[in-house]
Amino acid sequence: MIIEDIIIQEAQKNPHKIFCNIENCPISYKVFNESVESIQKIIQATAHSVKRISLNFNKTIFLLSGIVACNREKKIPIVIPPKEFQLRNFDYKQSSKSEYELNDNSCIVQYKGRIISKSYIYDADETQCVLFSSGTEGYPKSVELTFSNICYSVDSWNSIVNFVSGKMYLNVLPLYHISGLSIFFRSIYCGLSVFYKKYSSKNIIKMLDKVQPDYVSFVPKMIIDIMKVQKGFKLLNKIRLIIIGGDAIDKNVFDYLSKLEINSY
């Protein structure tokens, strides 16, 4: 089963079940599916004849529902980084061959009409979404991720971790990068609820204490920030599993996690 069918199924059977929490605002499957359908209506009304659509959203709810909406409408969503993380003098839309742009202003106008539920069938080699490389070595490159790429990633991680449905995943990683966006796909396939929060080194301890996640993904620098706080290790020990990546792991970080027997991968 693919994510479009999973979301519709949950919205019908368990409409009030929490799909995610975005910056302290809980979003049910019903509400998320309604957000997806509203963007579908925009696409049908304004971009029905194009294939590749860039998503230049600041709001997390629009970005996530925009990806699903594009997939449902057989469009290729291109995730554009926020302005503060864009490389100057680089045209992201031209580089990715975007034919149309959706942004926060696009969602102001509400289009009427009814979306008919249907079964979505895709070729495994079709592009599910497009992301950009960081551009640390030259210009950013657009990377096309297929449906099979996403499924393989989810299955691979699930075979290692054996995610428990209904558990909470804290996502503080950027959604315009595969590290953050993969958690979104992971959560749908594995039935996890995700708490989306912008990372802050000053507030990470409060965040962990408040959310009390079962799973969390960090880059090594985030572990270093937590190491500086005395009660940090107690909070890390409460987490079922910490996934660390995105950069080389400093020996101090490795020793810290090993010595305190913090469950991490």
Protein backbone atom coordinates (compact mmCIF):
# COMPACT_ATOMS: atom_id res chain seq x y z
CA MET A 1 0.00 0.00 0.00
CA ILE A 2 1.28 3.49 -0.84
CA ILE A 3 1.14 6.60 1.30
CA GLU A 4 -1.80 8.17 -0.55
CA ASP A 5 -4.00 5.16 0.21
CA ILE A 6 -2.74 4.93 3.81
CA ILE A 7 -3.60 8.56 4.52
CA ILE A 8 -7.08 8.28 2.98
CA GLN A 9 -7.75 5.02 4.80
CA GLU A 10 -6.73 6.47 8.18
CA ALA A 11 -8.71 9.67 7.52
CA GLN A 12 -11.82 7.56 6.95
CA LYS A 13 -11.37 4.93 9.67
CA ASN A 14 -9.56 6.96 12.35
CA PRO A 15 -10.24 10.62 11.47
CA HIS A 16 -9.25 11.99 14.89
CA LYS A 17 -6.08 9.94 15.23
CA ILE A 18 -3.07 12.28 15.46
CA PHE A 19 -1.03 12.18 12.27
CA CYS A 20 1.61 14.67 13.41
CA ASN A 21 2.30 17.66 15.61
CA ILE A 22 3.67 20.79 13.94
CA GLU A 23 5.22 23.37 16.26
CA ASN A 24 2.93 22.32 19.15
CA CYS A 25 -0.18 22.09 16.97
CA PRO A 26 -1.62 18.54 16.72
CA ILE A 27 -2.85 17.55 13.24
CA SER A 28 -5.24 14.62 12.79
CA TYR A 29 -5.35 12.34 9.74
CA LYS A 30 -8.64 13.99 8.76
CA VAL A 31 -7.19 17.51 8.95
CA PHE A 32 -4.03 16.51 7.08
CA ASN A 33 -6.02 14.80 4.33
CA GLU A 34 -8.20 17.90 3.99
CA SER A 35 -5.03 19.98 3.57
CA VAL A 36 -3.85 17.57 0.85
CA GLU A 37 -7.19 17.79 -0.94
CA SER A 38 -7.21 21.60 -0.82
CA ILE A 39 -3.84 21.65 -2.62
CA GLN A 40 -5.12 19.05 -5.07
CA LYS A 41 -7.91 21.47 -5.96
CA ILE A 42 -5.36 24.24 -6.54
CA ILE A 43 -3.36 21.97 -8.83
CA GLN A 44 -6.47 20.93 -10.75
CA ALA A 45 -7.56 24.56 -11.14
CA THR A 46 -4.24 26.21 -11.98
CA ALA A 47 -1.61 23.60 -12.89
CA HIS A 48 -3.43 20.67 -14.46
CA SER A 49 -1.39 20.85 -17.69
CA VAL A 50 2.10 20.83 -16.12
CA LYS A 51 4.17 17.92 -14.84
CA ARG A 52 6.83 19.39 -12.53
CA ILE A 53 5.76 21.68 -9.68
CA SER A 54 8.14 23.44 -7.28
CA LEU A 55 6.96 23.68 -3.67
CA ASN A 56 8.23 26.93 -2.18
CA PHE A 57 6.38 26.74 1.14
CA ASN A 58 7.41 28.18 4.48
CA LYS A 59 4.66 26.36 6.37
CA THR A 60 5.42 22.73 7.17
CA ILE A 61 1.79 21.61 6.78
CA PHE A 62 1.67 23.01 3.22
CA LEU A 63 4.98 21.42 2.23
CA LEU A 64 4.07 17.95 3.48
CA SER A 65 0.53 17.99 2.11
CA GLY A 66 1.84 19.54 -1.12
CA ILE A 67 4.11 16.53 -1.73
CA VAL A 68 1.22 14.10 -1.24
CA ALA A 69 -1.12 16.25 -3.36
CA CYS A 70 1.36 16.32 -6.24
CA ASN A 71 1.79 12.55 -6.06
CA ARG A 72 -1.99 12.07 -6.14
CA GLU A 73 -2.27 14.33 -9.18
CA LYS A 74 0.59 12.54 -10.96
CA LYS A 75 2.83 15.61 -10.69
CA ILE A 76 6.47 15.67 -9.60
CA PRO A 77 6.96 17.82 -6.45
CA ILE A 78 10.23 19.74 -6.28
CA VAL A 79 11.13 20.78 -2.73
CA ILE A 80 12.72 24.26 -2.73
CA PRO A 81 14.88 25.14 0.34
CA PRO A 82 13.78 28.14 2.45
CA LYS A 83 15.26 31.47 1.37
CA GLU A 84 17.76 31.59 4.23
CA PHE A 85 19.26 28.30 3.03
CA GLN A 86 19.27 29.01 -0.69
CA LEU A 87 22.49 29.63 -2.56
CA ARG A 88 22.64 33.11 -4.05
CA ASN A 89 22.63 33.49 -7.81
CA PHE A 90 21.34 29.96 -8.28
CA ASP A 91 18.00 29.32 -9.96
CA TYR A 92 16.48 26.31 -8.22
CA LYS A 93 13.40 26.23 -10.44
CA GLN A 94 15.34 26.37 -13.68
CA SER A 95 17.84 23.76 -12.49
CA SER A 96 15.05 21.29 -11.64
CA LYS A 97 13.02 22.13 -14.77
CA SER A 98 10.07 23.32 -12.73
CA GLU A 99 7.08 24.37 -14.81
CA TYR A 100 4.98 25.90 -12.02
CA GLU A 101 5.38 27.11 -8.44
CA LEU A 102 3.16 26.69 -5.42
CA ASN A 103 3.86 28.86 -2.37
CA ASP A 104 2.10 30.04 0.78
CA ASN A 105 0.17 32.66 -1.20
CA SER A 106 -1.19 29.94 -3.49
CA CYS A 107 -3.13 28.53 -0.55
CA ILE A 108 -4.94 31.77 0.25
CA VAL A 109 -7.61 31.18 -2.41
CA GLN A 110 -9.88 28.25 -1.57
CA TYR A 111 -11.17 26.32 -4.59
CA LYS A 112 -14.50 24.56 -4.33
CA GLY A 113 -15.21 21.09 -5.59
CA ARG A 114 -15.01 17.51 -4.42
CA ILE A 115 -12.06 15.17 -4.63
CA ILE A 116 -13.14 11.62 -5.41
CA SER A 117 -11.16 8.96 -3.54
CA LYS A 118 -9.43 6.50 -5.84
CA SER A 119 -6.68 3.92 -5.80
CA TYR A 120 -3.31 5.35 -6.79
CA ILE A 121 -1.08 3.15 -8.94
CA TYR A 122 2.51 4.12 -9.70
CA ASP A 123 5.49 2.70 -11.48
CA ALA A 124 8.25 2.03 -8.94
CA ASP A 125 10.70 3.96 -11.14
CA GLU A 126 8.55 7.10 -11.30
CA THR A 127 9.88 10.16 -9.47
CA GLN A 128 8.12 10.67 -6.14
CA CYS A 129 9.89 13.92 -5.25
CA VAL A 130 12.92 16.05 -6.09
CA LEU A 131 15.36 17.40 -3.49
CA PHE A 132 18.53 19.47 -3.80
CA SER A 133 22.01 18.63 -2.59
CA SER A 134 23.55 21.09 -0.11
CA GLY A 135 25.85 22.70 -2.66
CA THR A 136 28.88 22.57 -0.36
CA GLU A 137 30.94 21.46 -3.35
CA GLY A 138 29.82 23.62 -6.25
CA TYR A 139 26.20 24.36 -7.14
CA PRO A 140 23.32 22.37 -5.65
CA LYS A 141 22.14 19.44 -7.75
CA SER A 142 18.56 18.31 -8.09
CA VAL A 143 18.16 14.69 -7.01
CA GLU A 144 15.17 12.69 -8.25
CA LEU A 145 13.93 10.15 -5.72
CA THR A 146 11.71 7.40 -7.09
CA PHE A 147 8.91 5.58 -5.30
CA SER A 148 11.18 2.54 -5.04
CA ASN A 149 13.98 4.69 -3.52
CA ILE A 150 11.63 5.87 -0.76
CA CYS A 151 10.16 2.40 -0.13
CA TYR A 152 13.60 0.79 -0.01
CA SER A 153 14.81 3.40 2.50
CA VAL A 154 11.79 2.87 4.76
CA ASP A 155 12.02 -0.94 4.55
CA SER A 156 15.76 -0.88 5.24
CA TRP A 157 15.42 1.25 8.35
CA ASN A 158 12.42 -0.71 9.57
CA SER A 159 14.34 -3.99 9.23
CA ILE A 160 17.06 -2.53 11.48
CA VAL A 161 14.92 -0.63 13.99
CA ASN A 162 11.58 -2.48 13.85
CA PHE A 163 9.57 0.70 14.42
CA VAL A 164 6.60 0.30 16.77
CA SER A 165 3.35 1.70 15.36
CA GLY A 166 1.84 4.52 17.41
CA LYS A 167 5.15 5.69 18.88
CA MET A 168 6.40 9.29 18.68
CA TYR A 169 9.24 10.42 16.41
CA LEU A 170 10.79 13.85 17.06
CA ASN A 171 11.93 15.47 13.81
CA VAL A 172 14.21 18.48 14.18
CA LEU A 173 15.94 17.95 10.82
CA PRO A 174 15.15 20.11 7.74
CA LEU A 175 12.39 18.82 5.47
CA TYR A 176 14.12 20.16 2.36
CA HIS A 177 16.85 17.58 3.05
CA ILE A 178 16.45 13.80 2.76
CA SER A 179 17.33 13.33 6.44
CA GLY A 180 14.21 15.20 7.53
CA LEU A 181 11.86 14.26 4.70
CA SER A 182 12.60 10.55 5.04
CA ILE A 183 11.13 10.69 8.55
CA PHE A 184 7.86 11.92 7.03
CA PHE A 185 7.67 8.91 4.69
CA ARG A 186 8.86 6.59 7.46
CA SER A 187 6.08 7.75 9.76
CA ILE A 188 3.32 7.04 7.22
CA TYR A 189 4.46 3.54 6.32
CA CYS A 190 5.25 2.57 9.93
CA GLY A 191 2.29 4.28 11.62
CA LEU A 192 4.38 6.71 13.68
CA SER A 193 3.27 10.12 14.92
CA VAL A 194 5.85 12.85 14.24
CA PHE A 195 6.50 15.98 16.27
CA TYR A 196 7.97 18.56 13.87
CA LYS A 197 9.99 21.27 15.57
CA LYS A 198 12.69 23.63 14.32
CA TYR A 199 15.97 22.81 16.03
CA SER A 200 17.31 25.17 18.69
CA SER A 201 20.49 24.44 20.65
CA LYS A 202 19.12 26.57 23.50
CA ASN A 203 15.81 24.74 23.74
CA ILE A 204 16.68 21.17 22.77
CA ILE A 205 16.64 19.97 26.41
CA LYS A 206 13.22 21.53 27.04
CA MET A 207 12.00 20.02 23.79
CA LEU A 208 13.13 16.49 24.68
CA ASP A 209 11.67 16.85 28.16
CA LYS A 210 8.32 18.04 26.81
CA VAL A 211 7.92 15.72 23.81
CA GLN A 212 9.54 12.61 25.37
CA PRO A 213 9.97 10.98 21.97
CA ASP A 214 10.47 7.28 21.33
CA TYR A 215 12.63 7.95 18.27
CA VAL A 216 14.72 10.92 17.21
CA SER A 217 17.27 11.64 14.46
CA PHE A 218 20.23 13.93 15.17
CA VAL A 219 23.38 15.11 13.46
CA PRO A 220 26.49 14.81 15.70
CA LYS A 221 26.53 18.56 16.47
CA MET A 222 23.14 18.21 18.17
CA ILE A 223 24.49 15.50 20.46
CA ILE A 224 27.36 17.84 21.38
CA ASP A 225 24.83 20.53 22.34
CA ILE A 226 23.05 18.05 24.61
CA MET A 227 26.32 16.83 26.15
CA LYS A 228 26.91 20.34 27.48
CA VAL A 229 23.85 20.09 29.73
CA GLN A 230 24.08 18.00 32.90
CA LYS A 231 20.64 16.39 32.63
CA GLY A 232 21.09 15.75 28.90
CA PHE A 233 22.17 12.12 29.29
CA LYS A 234 19.10 11.33 31.43
CA LEU A 235 16.80 12.52 28.65
CA LEU A 236 18.74 10.65 25.97
CA ASN A 237 18.51 7.46 28.02
CA LYS A 238 14.72 7.66 27.94
CA ILE A 239 14.63 7.55 24.14
CA ARG A 240 13.98 4.13 22.59
CA LEU A 241 16.44 4.80 19.75
CA ILE A 242 18.53 7.72 18.48
CA ILE A 243 19.59 7.69 14.83
CA ILE A 244 22.72 9.76 14.12
CA GLY A 245 24.03 10.70 10.71
CA GLY A 246 24.70 13.49 8.25
CA ASP A 247 28.34 13.92 9.25
CA ALA A 248 31.32 12.07 10.72
CA ILE A 249 30.79 11.19 14.38
CA ASP A 250 33.30 12.80 16.70
CA LYS A 251 35.14 10.38 19.03
CA ASN A 252 33.90 12.33 22.05
CA VAL A 253 30.31 11.83 20.87
CA PHE A 254 30.88 8.12 20.26
CA ASP A 255 32.52 7.64 23.68
CA TYR A 256 29.75 9.62 25.40
CA LEU A 257 27.00 7.48 23.88
CA SER A 258 28.88 4.22 24.51
CA LYS A 259 29.88 4.96 28.09
CA LEU A 260 26.36 5.94 29.09
CA GLU A 261 24.88 3.02 27.11
CA ILE A 262 22.55 5.29 25.18
CA ASN A 263 20.70 3.28 22.54
CA SER A 264 21.87 4.82 19.27
CA TYR A 265 22.61 3.83 15.69
